[in-house]
Structures are given as structure tokens and as C-alpha cells.
Amino acid sequence: MTWQGITPIALLLVSNVFMTFAWYGQLKFPDRPLWIVVLVSWGIAFVEYCFAVPANRIGYTVYSAAQLKTMQEIITLLVFAVFSVL
């Protein structure tokens, strides 16, 4: 497998770690004002997009859109499973 085949998988993995923290990490801070939590989550989501967009751009040279979306969903489930356990 070439770097174009592996790079999107690695970038999607990193992207999903950030996404999971953006979505669920704020639940550990119920005492913080909602507007602060939203801004912090948006900042984390921005970083997530900085990995997701290149993953899809690079990945589309090797994989179809359906394959990339399927990979993203599988990676999301795996990352969330680890997040839930930890």
C-alpha cells in the first residue's frame, strides 16, 4: 500500500480523536458556561477539520467517496469505543 493509501487512514484517525473530544469532552465540565464550552468545542472541531479535509483530498486519489465515508465511520466507532472505555 502506498502513502496515498495509508495517509488518509492515519489522518482520519487523528481527526476522529479530535472530533470525539470536541463532542464529548465538554461533558466533564458541566460547571462551565455553555458559550465557553461551545467556543472551545468549535476550536477543537477546527483542528479536526484540518485533518479530515486533507484525509479526504489525499484519499480520493486512491479510494472512492463511499470507501472514504465507510472508513471514517468505522474509525469513528473504534475511536469512540476506546474513548468510552477510558
PDB file of N, CA and C in Angstrom:
ATOM      1  N   MET A   1       0.844  -1.180   0.000  1.00  0.00           N
ATOM      2  CA  MET A   1       0.000   0.000   0.000  1.00  0.00           C
ATOM      3  C   MET A   1       0.890   1.244   0.000  1.00  0.00           C
ATOM      4  N   THR A   2       0.530   2.224  -0.809  1.00  0.00           N
ATOM      5  CA  THR A   2       1.324   3.444  -0.931  1.00  0.00           C
ATOM      6  C   THR A   2       0.979   4.442   0.171  1.00  0.00           C
ATOM      7  N   TRP A   3       1.763   5.510   0.241  1.00  0.00           N
ATOM      8  CA  TRP A   3       1.495   6.532   1.253  1.00  0.00           C
ATOM      9  C   TRP A   3       0.127   7.163   1.029  1.00  0.00           C
ATOM     10  N   GLN A   4      -0.337   7.243  -0.244  1.00  0.00           N
ATOM     11  CA  GLN A   4      -1.666   7.796  -0.509  1.00  0.00           C
ATOM     12  C   GLN A   4      -2.769   6.899   0.032  1.00  0.00           C
ATOM     13  N   GLY A   5      -2.467   5.623   0.210  1.00  0.00           N
ATOM     14  CA  GLY A   5      -3.449   4.706   0.763  1.00  0.00           C
ATOM     15  C   GLY A   5      -3.459   4.697   2.285  1.00  0.00           C
ATOM     16  N   ILE A   6      -2.309   4.935   2.893  1.00  0.00           N
ATOM     17  CA  ILE A   6      -2.189   4.885   4.350  1.00  0.00           C
ATOM     18  C   ILE A   6      -2.453   6.245   4.994  1.00  0.00           C
ATOM     19  N   THR A   7      -1.999   7.304   4.358  1.00  0.00           N
ATOM     20  CA  THR A   7      -2.129   8.646   4.929  1.00  0.00           C
ATOM     21  C   THR A   7      -3.574   9.018   5.271  1.00  0.00           C
ATOM     22  N   PRO A   8      -4.540   8.770   4.389  1.00  0.00           N
ATOM     23  CA  PRO A   8      -5.917   9.137   4.751  1.00  0.00           C
ATOM     24  C   PRO A   8      -6.423   8.404   5.987  1.00  0.00           C
ATOM     25  N   ILE A   9      -6.026   7.166   6.144  1.00  0.00           N
ATOM     26  CA  ILE A   9      -6.447   6.389   7.307  1.00  0.00           C
ATOM     27  C   ILE A   9      -5.866   7.000   8.576  1.00  0.00           C
ATOM     28  N   ALA A  10      -4.587   7.340   8.542  1.00  0.00           N
ATOM     29  CA  ALA A  10      -3.944   7.954   9.708  1.00  0.00           C
ATOM     30  C   ALA A  10      -4.558   9.316  10.018  1.00  0.00           C
ATOM     31  N   LEU A  11      -4.791  10.123   8.983  1.00  0.00           N
ATOM     32  CA  LEU A  11      -5.386  11.439   9.198  1.00  0.00           C
ATOM     33  C   LEU A  11      -6.816  11.333   9.714  1.00  0.00           C
ATOM     34  N   LEU A  12      -7.580  10.379   9.205  1.00  0.00           N
ATOM     35  CA  LEU A  12      -8.945  10.181   9.697  1.00  0.00           C
ATOM     36  C   LEU A  12      -8.940   9.721  11.161  1.00  0.00           C
ATOM     37  N   LEU A  13      -7.969   8.932  11.529  1.00  0.00           N
ATOM     38  CA  LEU A  13      -7.849   8.503  12.919  1.00  0.00           C
ATOM     39  C   LEU A  13      -7.613   9.703  13.833  1.00  0.00           C
ATOM     40  N   VAL A  14      -6.649  10.538  13.469  1.00  0.00           N
ATOM     41  CA  VAL A  14      -6.356  11.736  14.265  1.00  0.00           C
ATOM     42  C   VAL A  14      -7.575  12.663  14.278  1.00  0.00           C
ATOM     43  N   SER A  15      -8.183  12.846  13.131  1.00  0.00           N
ATOM     44  CA  SER A  15      -9.372  13.692  13.024  1.00  0.00           C
ATOM     45  C   SER A  15     -10.471  13.227  13.963  1.00  0.00           C
ATOM     46  N   ASN A  16     -10.701  11.932  14.011  1.00  0.00           N
ATOM     47  CA  ASN A  16     -11.764  11.394  14.850  1.00  0.00           C
ATOM     48  C   ASN A  16     -11.458  11.507  16.338  1.00  0.00           C
ATOM     49  N   VAL A  17     -10.199  11.457  16.706  1.00  0.00           N
ATOM     50  CA  VAL A  17      -9.846  11.672  18.113  1.00  0.00           C
ATOM     51  C   VAL A  17     -10.235  13.098  18.510  1.00  0.00           C
ATOM     52  N   PHE A  18      -9.883  14.078  17.672  1.00  0.00           N
ATOM     53  CA  PHE A  18     -10.255  15.463  17.958  1.00  0.00           C
ATOM     54  C   PHE A  18     -11.769  15.636  17.964  1.00  0.00           C
ATOM     55  N   MET A  19     -12.450  15.018  17.004  1.00  0.00           N
ATOM     56  CA  MET A  19     -13.903  15.134  16.922  1.00  0.00           C
ATOM     57  C   MET A  19     -14.574  14.584  18.179  1.00  0.00           C
ATOM     58  N   THR A  20     -14.096  13.452  18.652  1.00  0.00           N
ATOM     59  CA  THR A  20     -14.679  12.846  19.839  1.00  0.00           C
ATOM     60  C   THR A  20     -14.502  13.748  21.050  1.00  0.00           C
ATOM     61  N   PHE A  21     -13.338  14.347  21.191  1.00  0.00           N
ATOM     62  CA  PHE A  21     -13.121  15.265  22.306  1.00  0.00           C
ATOM     63  C   PHE A  21     -13.953  16.535  22.148  1.00  0.00           C
ATOM     64  N   ALA A  22     -14.113  17.013  20.918  1.00  0.00           N
ATOM     65  CA  ALA A  22     -14.927  18.206  20.695  1.00  0.00           C
ATOM     66  C   ALA A  22     -16.381  17.943  21.074  1.00  0.00           C
ATOM     67  N   TRP A  23     -16.875  16.775  20.758  1.00  0.00           N
ATOM     68  CA  TRP A  23     -18.276  16.450  21.019  1.00  0.00           C
ATOM     69  C   TRP A  23     -18.535  16.058  22.471  1.00  0.00           C
ATOM     70  N   TYR A  24     -17.662  15.240  23.037  1.00  0.00           N
ATOM     71  CA  TYR A  24     -17.962  14.642  24.334  1.00  0.00           C
ATOM     72  C   TYR A  24     -17.059  15.093  25.472  1.00  0.00           C
ATOM     73  N   GLY A  25     -15.922  15.672  25.171  1.00  0.00           N
ATOM     74  CA  GLY A  25     -15.002  16.102  26.216  1.00  0.00           C
ATOM     75  C   GLY A  25     -15.605  17.161  27.125  1.00  0.00           C
ATOM     76  N   GLN A  26     -16.480  17.974  26.551  1.00  0.00           N
ATOM     77  CA  GLN A  26     -17.092  19.049  27.333  1.00  0.00           C
ATOM     78  C   GLN A  26     -18.011  18.537  28.433  1.00  0.00           C
ATOM     79  N   LEU A  27     -18.419  17.283  28.353  1.00  0.00           N
ATOM     80  CA  LEU A  27     -19.312  16.732  29.374  1.00  0.00           C
ATOM     81  C   LEU A  27     -18.631  16.624  30.739  1.00  0.00           C
ATOM     82  N   LYS A  28     -17.303  16.677  30.766  1.00  0.00           N
ATOM     83  CA  LYS A  28     -16.571  16.629  32.026  1.00  0.00           C
ATOM     84  C   LYS A  28     -16.555  17.992  32.725  1.00  0.00           C
ATOM     85  N   PHE A  29     -17.102  19.014  32.065  1.00  0.00           N
ATOM     86  CA  PHE A  29     -17.070  20.371  32.611  1.00  0.00           C
ATOM     87  C   PHE A  29     -18.484  20.970  32.664  1.00  0.00           C
ATOM     88  N   PRO A  30     -19.383  20.347  33.416  1.00  0.00           N
ATOM     89  CA  PRO A  30     -20.769  20.842  33.448  1.00  0.00           C
ATOM     90  C   PRO A  30     -20.912  22.193  34.144  1.00  0.00           C
ATOM     91  N   ASP A  31     -19.892  22.603  34.905  1.00  0.00           N
ATOM     92  CA  ASP A  31     -19.957  23.870  35.624  1.00  0.00           C
ATOM     93  C   ASP A  31     -19.542  25.062  34.766  1.00  0.00           C
ATOM     94  N   ARG A  32     -18.976  24.836  33.598  1.00  0.00           N
ATOM     95  CA  ARG A  32     -18.527  25.920  32.725  1.00  0.00           C
ATOM     96  C   ARG A  32     -19.719  26.500  31.960  1.00  0.00           C
ATOM     97  N   PRO A  33     -19.694  27.789  31.695  1.00  0.00           N
ATOM     98  CA  PRO A  33     -20.776  28.394  30.903  1.00  0.00           C
ATOM     99  C   PRO A  33     -20.844  27.767  29.503  1.00  0.00           C
ATOM    100  N   LEU A  34     -22.046  27.629  29.005  1.00  0.00           N
ATOM    101  CA  LEU A  34     -22.258  26.978  27.713  1.00  0.00           C
ATOM    102  C   LEU A  34     -21.510  27.676  26.590  1.00  0.00           C
ATOM    103  N   TRP A  35     -21.481  28.999  26.588  1.00  0.00           N
ATOM    104  CA  TRP A  35     -20.822  29.713  25.487  1.00  0.00           C
ATOM    105  C   TRP A  35     -19.331  29.418  25.443  1.00  0.00           C
ATOM    106  N   ILE A  36     -18.707  29.222  26.601  1.00  0.00           N
ATOM    107  CA  ILE A  36     -17.279  28.874  26.633  1.00  0.00           C
ATOM    108  C   ILE A  36     -17.079  27.467  26.088  1.00  0.00           C
ATOM    109  N   VAL A  37     -17.930  26.557  26.508  1.00  0.00           N
ATOM    110  CA  VAL A  37     -17.834  25.171  26.039  1.00  0.00           C
ATOM    111  C   VAL A  37     -18.025  25.106  24.533  1.00  0.00           C
ATOM    112  N   VAL A  38     -18.965  25.888  24.004  1.00  0.00           N
ATOM    113  CA  VAL A  38     -19.204  25.907  22.563  1.00  0.00           C
ATOM    114  C   VAL A  38     -17.973  26.426  21.830  1.00  0.00           C
ATOM    115  N   LEU A  39     -17.396  27.523  22.302  1.00  0.00           N
ATOM    116  CA  LEU A  39     -16.215  28.087  21.639  1.00  0.00           C
ATOM    117  C   LEU A  39     -15.025  27.124  21.673  1.00  0.00           C
ATOM    118  N   VAL A  40     -14.808  26.487  22.807  1.00  0.00           N
ATOM    119  CA  VAL A  40     -13.711  25.522  22.913  1.00  0.00           C
ATOM    120  C   VAL A  40     -13.968  24.338  21.974  1.00  0.00           C
ATOM    121  N   SER A  41     -15.199  23.860  21.945  1.00  0.00           N
ATOM    122  CA  SER A  41     -15.541  22.740  21.059  1.00  0.00           C
ATOM    123  C   SER A  41     -15.346  23.125  19.593  1.00  0.00           C
ATOM    124  N   TRP A  42     -15.723  24.331  19.229  1.00  0.00           N
ATOM    125  CA  TRP A  42     -15.511  24.795  17.858  1.00  0.00           C
ATOM    126  C   TRP A  42     -14.023  24.859  17.528  1.00  0.00           C
ATOM    127  N   GLY A  43     -13.227  25.299  18.485  1.00  0.00           N
ATOM    128  CA  GLY A  43     -11.779  25.334  18.260  1.00  0.00           C
ATOM    129  C   GLY A  43     -11.206  23.953  18.035  1.00  0.00           C
ATOM    130  N   ILE A  44     -11.668  22.998  18.823  1.00  0.00           N
ATOM    131  CA  ILE A  44     -11.210  21.615  18.653  1.00  0.00           C
ATOM    132  C   ILE A  44     -11.713  21.067  17.314  1.00  0.00           C
ATOM    133  N   ALA A  45     -12.953  21.394  16.956  1.00  0.00           N
ATOM    134  CA  ALA A  45     -13.509  20.932  15.687  1.00  0.00           C
ATOM    135  C   ALA A  45     -12.746  21.518  14.504  1.00  0.00           C
ATOM    136  N   PHE A  46     -12.250  22.752  14.643  1.00  0.00           N
ATOM    137  CA  PHE A  46     -11.434  23.339  13.578  1.00  0.00           C
ATOM    138  C   PHE A  46     -10.181  22.496  13.332  1.00  0.00           C
ATOM    139  N   VAL A  47      -9.538  22.093  14.412  1.00  0.00           N
ATOM    140  CA  VAL A  47      -8.349  21.239  14.285  1.00  0.00           C
ATOM    141  C   VAL A  47      -8.736  19.918  13.625  1.00  0.00           C
ATOM    142  N   GLU A  48      -9.891  19.385  14.003  1.00  0.00           N
ATOM    143  CA  GLU A  48     -10.379  18.140  13.414  1.00  0.00           C
ATOM    144  C   GLU A  48     -10.526  18.293  11.896  1.00  0.00           C
ATOM    145  N   TYR A  49     -11.087  19.404  11.450  1.00  0.00           N
ATOM    146  CA  TYR A  49     -11.250  19.647  10.014  1.00  0.00           C
ATOM    147  C   TYR A  49      -9.902  19.772   9.321  1.00  0.00           C
ATOM    148  N   CYS A  50      -8.905  20.287  10.019  1.00  0.00           N
ATOM    149  CA  CYS A  50      -7.564  20.421   9.428  1.00  0.00           C
ATOM    150  C   CYS A  50      -6.947  19.060   9.120  1.00  0.00           C
ATOM    151  N   PHE A  51      -7.448  18.009   9.752  1.00  0.00           N
ATOM    152  CA  PHE A  51      -7.007  16.652   9.447  1.00  0.00           C
ATOM    153  C   PHE A  51      -7.976  15.954   8.497  1.00  0.00           C
ATOM    154  N   ALA A  52      -9.268  16.189   8.649  1.00  0.00           N
ATOM    155  CA  ALA A  52     -10.278  15.482   7.864  1.00  0.00           C
ATOM    156  C   ALA A  52     -10.257  15.897   6.391  1.00  0.00           C
ATOM    157  N   VAL A  53     -10.129  17.185   6.130  1.00  0.00           N
ATOM    158  CA  VAL A  53     -10.161  17.650   4.744  1.00  0.00           C
ATOM    159  C   VAL A  53      -8.977  17.103   3.947  1.00  0.00           C
ATOM    160  N   PRO A  54      -7.746  17.212   4.457  1.00  0.00           N
ATOM    161  CA  PRO A  54      -6.638  16.601   3.707  1.00  0.00           C
ATOM    162  C   PRO A  54      -6.779  15.076   3.576  1.00  0.00           C
ATOM    163  N   ALA A  55      -7.323  14.438   4.603  1.00  0.00           N
ATOM    164  CA  ALA A  55      -7.522  12.984   4.529  1.00  0.00           C
ATOM    165  C   ALA A  55      -8.405  12.636   3.342  1.00  0.00           C
ATOM    166  N   ASN A  56      -9.472  13.385   3.165  1.00  0.00           N
ATOM    167  CA  ASN A  56     -10.378  13.105   2.057  1.00  0.00           C
ATOM    168  C   ASN A  56      -9.791  13.519   0.719  1.00  0.00           C
ATOM    169  N   ARG A  57      -9.066  14.623   0.689  1.00  0.00           N
ATOM    170  CA  ARG A  57      -8.424  15.057  -0.557  1.00  0.00           C
ATOM    171  C   ARG A  57      -7.404  14.025  -1.039  1.00  0.00           C
ATOM    172  N   ILE A  58      -6.528  13.627  -0.118  1.00  0.00           N
ATOM    173  CA  ILE A  58      -5.496  12.643  -0.464  1.00  0.00           C
ATOM    174  C   ILE A  58      -6.139  11.293  -0.737  1.00  0.00           C
ATOM    175  N   GLY A  59      -7.081  10.913   0.101  1.00  0.00           N
ATOM    176  CA  GLY A  59      -7.720   9.610  -0.022  1.00  0.00           C
ATOM    177  C   GLY A  59      -8.501   9.436  -1.300  1.00  0.00           C
ATOM    178  N   TYR A  60      -9.068  10.539  -1.814  1.00  0.00           N
ATOM    179  CA  TYR A  60      -9.887  10.431  -3.028  1.00  0.00           C
ATOM    180  C   TYR A  60      -9.060  10.090  -4.257  1.00  0.00           C
ATOM    181  N   THR A  61      -7.735  10.213  -4.152  1.00  0.00           N
ATOM    182  CA  THR A  61      -6.880   9.794  -5.270  1.00  0.00           C
ATOM    183  C   THR A  61      -6.757   8.278  -5.338  1.00  0.00           C
ATOM    184  N   VAL A  62      -7.110   7.598  -4.237  1.00  0.00           N
ATOM    185  CA  VAL A  62      -6.986   6.145  -4.152  1.00  0.00           C
ATOM    186  C   VAL A  62      -8.336   5.472  -3.918  1.00  0.00           C
ATOM    187  N   TYR A  63      -9.169   6.084  -3.088  1.00  0.00           N
ATOM    188  CA  TYR A  63     -10.443   5.487  -2.678  1.00  0.00           C
ATOM    189  C   TYR A  63     -11.615   6.276  -3.252  1.00  0.00           C
ATOM    190  N   SER A  64     -12.755   5.624  -3.334  1.00  0.00           N
ATOM    191  CA  SER A  64     -13.983   6.318  -3.731  1.00  0.00           C
ATOM    192  C   SER A  64     -14.535   7.073  -2.522  1.00  0.00           C
ATOM    193  N   ALA A  65     -15.483   7.967  -2.782  1.00  0.00           N
ATOM    194  CA  ALA A  65     -16.114   8.700  -1.680  1.00  0.00           C
ATOM    195  C   ALA A  65     -16.812   7.736  -0.724  1.00  0.00           C
ATOM    196  N   ALA A  66     -17.435   6.710  -1.265  1.00  0.00           N
ATOM    197  CA  ALA A  66     -18.119   5.726  -0.415  1.00  0.00           C
ATOM    198  C   ALA A  66     -17.118   4.973   0.466  1.00  0.00           C
ATOM    199  N   GLN A  67     -15.972   4.633  -0.080  1.00  0.00           N
ATOM    200  CA  GLN A  67     -14.950   3.942   0.710  1.00  0.00           C
ATOM    201  C   GLN A  67     -14.409   4.850   1.817  1.00  0.00           C
ATOM    202  N   LEU A  68     -14.174   6.120   1.486  1.00  0.00           N
ATOM    203  CA  LEU A  68     -13.684   7.058   2.494  1.00  0.00           C
ATOM    204  C   LEU A  68     -14.701   7.244   3.608  1.00  0.00           C
ATOM    205  N   LYS A  69     -15.967   7.378   3.257  1.00  0.00           N
ATOM    206  CA  LYS A  69     -17.008   7.548   4.260  1.00  0.00           C
ATOM    207  C   LYS A  69     -17.129   6.300   5.129  1.00  0.00           C
ATOM    208  N   THR A  70     -17.041   5.143   4.527  1.00  0.00           N
ATOM    209  CA  THR A  70     -17.098   3.893   5.283  1.00  0.00           C
ATOM    210  C   THR A  70     -15.925   3.807   6.251  1.00  0.00           C
ATOM    211  N   MET A  71     -14.722   4.139   5.780  1.00  0.00           N
ATOM    212  CA  MET A  71     -13.545   4.144   6.662  1.00  0.00           C
ATOM    213  C   MET A  71     -13.750   5.112   7.822  1.00  0.00           C
ATOM    214  N   GLN A  72     -14.270   6.300   7.498  1.00  0.00           N
ATOM    215  CA  GLN A  72     -14.478   7.309   8.533  1.00  0.00           C
ATOM    216  C   GLN A  72     -15.449   6.809   9.596  1.00  0.00           C
ATOM    217  N   GLU A  73     -16.507   6.157   9.185  1.00  0.00           N
ATOM    218  CA  GLU A  73     -17.499   5.657  10.150  1.00  0.00           C
ATOM    219  C   GLU A  73     -16.917   4.538  11.016  1.00  0.00           C
ATOM    220  N   ILE A  74     -16.165   3.649  10.421  1.00  0.00           N
ATOM    221  CA  ILE A  74     -15.539   2.559  11.182  1.00  0.00           C
ATOM    222  C   ILE A  74     -14.532   3.130  12.179  1.00  0.00           C
ATOM    223  N   ILE A  75     -13.728   4.068  11.719  1.00  0.00           N
ATOM    224  CA  ILE A  75     -12.748   4.699  12.611  1.00  0.00           C
ATOM    225  C   ILE A  75     -13.459   5.436  13.738  1.00  0.00           C
ATOM    226  N   THR A  76     -14.568   6.110  13.424  1.00  0.00           N
ATOM    227  CA  THR A  76     -15.344   6.812  14.455  1.00  0.00           C
ATOM    228  C   THR A  76     -15.807   5.840  15.532  1.00  0.00           C
ATOM    229  N   LEU A  77     -16.331   4.705  15.113  1.00  0.00           N
ATOM    230  CA  LEU A  77     -16.794   3.710  16.090  1.00  0.00           C
ATOM    231  C   LEU A  77     -15.652   3.182  16.944  1.00  0.00           C
ATOM    232  N   LEU A  78     -14.515   2.924  16.327  1.00  0.00           N
ATOM    233  CA  LEU A  78     -13.360   2.420  17.074  1.00  0.00           C
ATOM    234  C   LEU A  78     -12.843   3.461  18.070  1.00  0.00           C
ATOM    235  N   VAL A  79     -12.721   4.707  17.617  1.00  0.00           N
ATOM    236  CA  VAL A  79     -12.230   5.769  18.498  1.00  0.00           C
ATOM    237  C   VAL A  79     -13.203   5.980  19.649  1.00  0.00           C
ATOM    238  N   PHE A  80     -14.506   5.997  19.348  1.00  0.00           N
ATOM    239  CA  PHE A  80     -15.482   6.210  20.411  1.00  0.00           C
ATOM    240  C   PHE A  80     -15.489   5.046  21.401  1.00  0.00           C
ATOM    241  N   ALA A  81     -15.294   3.834  20.917  1.00  0.00           N
ATOM    242  CA  ALA A  81     -15.247   2.672  21.816  1.00  0.00           C
ATOM    243  C   ALA A  81     -14.079   2.825  22.797  1.00  0.00           C
ATOM    244  N   VAL A  82     -12.921   3.224  22.300  1.00  0.00           N
ATOM    245  CA  VAL A  82     -11.758   3.431  23.176  1.00  0.00           C
ATOM    246  C   VAL A  82     -12.040   4.590  24.137  1.00  0.00           C
ATOM    247  N   PHE A  83     -12.606   5.670  23.632  1.00  0.00           N
ATOM    248  CA  PHE A  83     -12.942   6.834  24.459  1.00  0.00           C
ATOM    249  C   PHE A  83     -13.901   6.447  25.580  1.00  0.00           C
ATOM    250  N   SER A  84     -14.896   5.621  25.255  1.00  0.00           N
ATOM    251  CA  SER A  84     -15.889   5.190  26.251  1.00  0.00           C
ATOM    252  C   SER A  84     -15.262   4.350  27.358  1.00  0.00           C
ATOM    253  N   VAL A  85     -14.325   3.501  26.995  1.00  0.00           N
ATOM    254  CA  VAL A  85     -13.688   2.638  27.976  1.00  0.00           C
ATOM    255  C   VAL A  85     -12.768   3.453  28.884  1.00  0.00           C
ATOM    256  N   LEU A  86     -12.043   4.380  28.284  1.00  0.00           N
ATOM    257  CA  LEU A  86     -11.103   5.179  29.068  1.00  0.00           C
ATOM    258  C   LEU A  86     -11.813   6.307  29.789  1.00  0.00           C
TER     259      LEU A  86
END
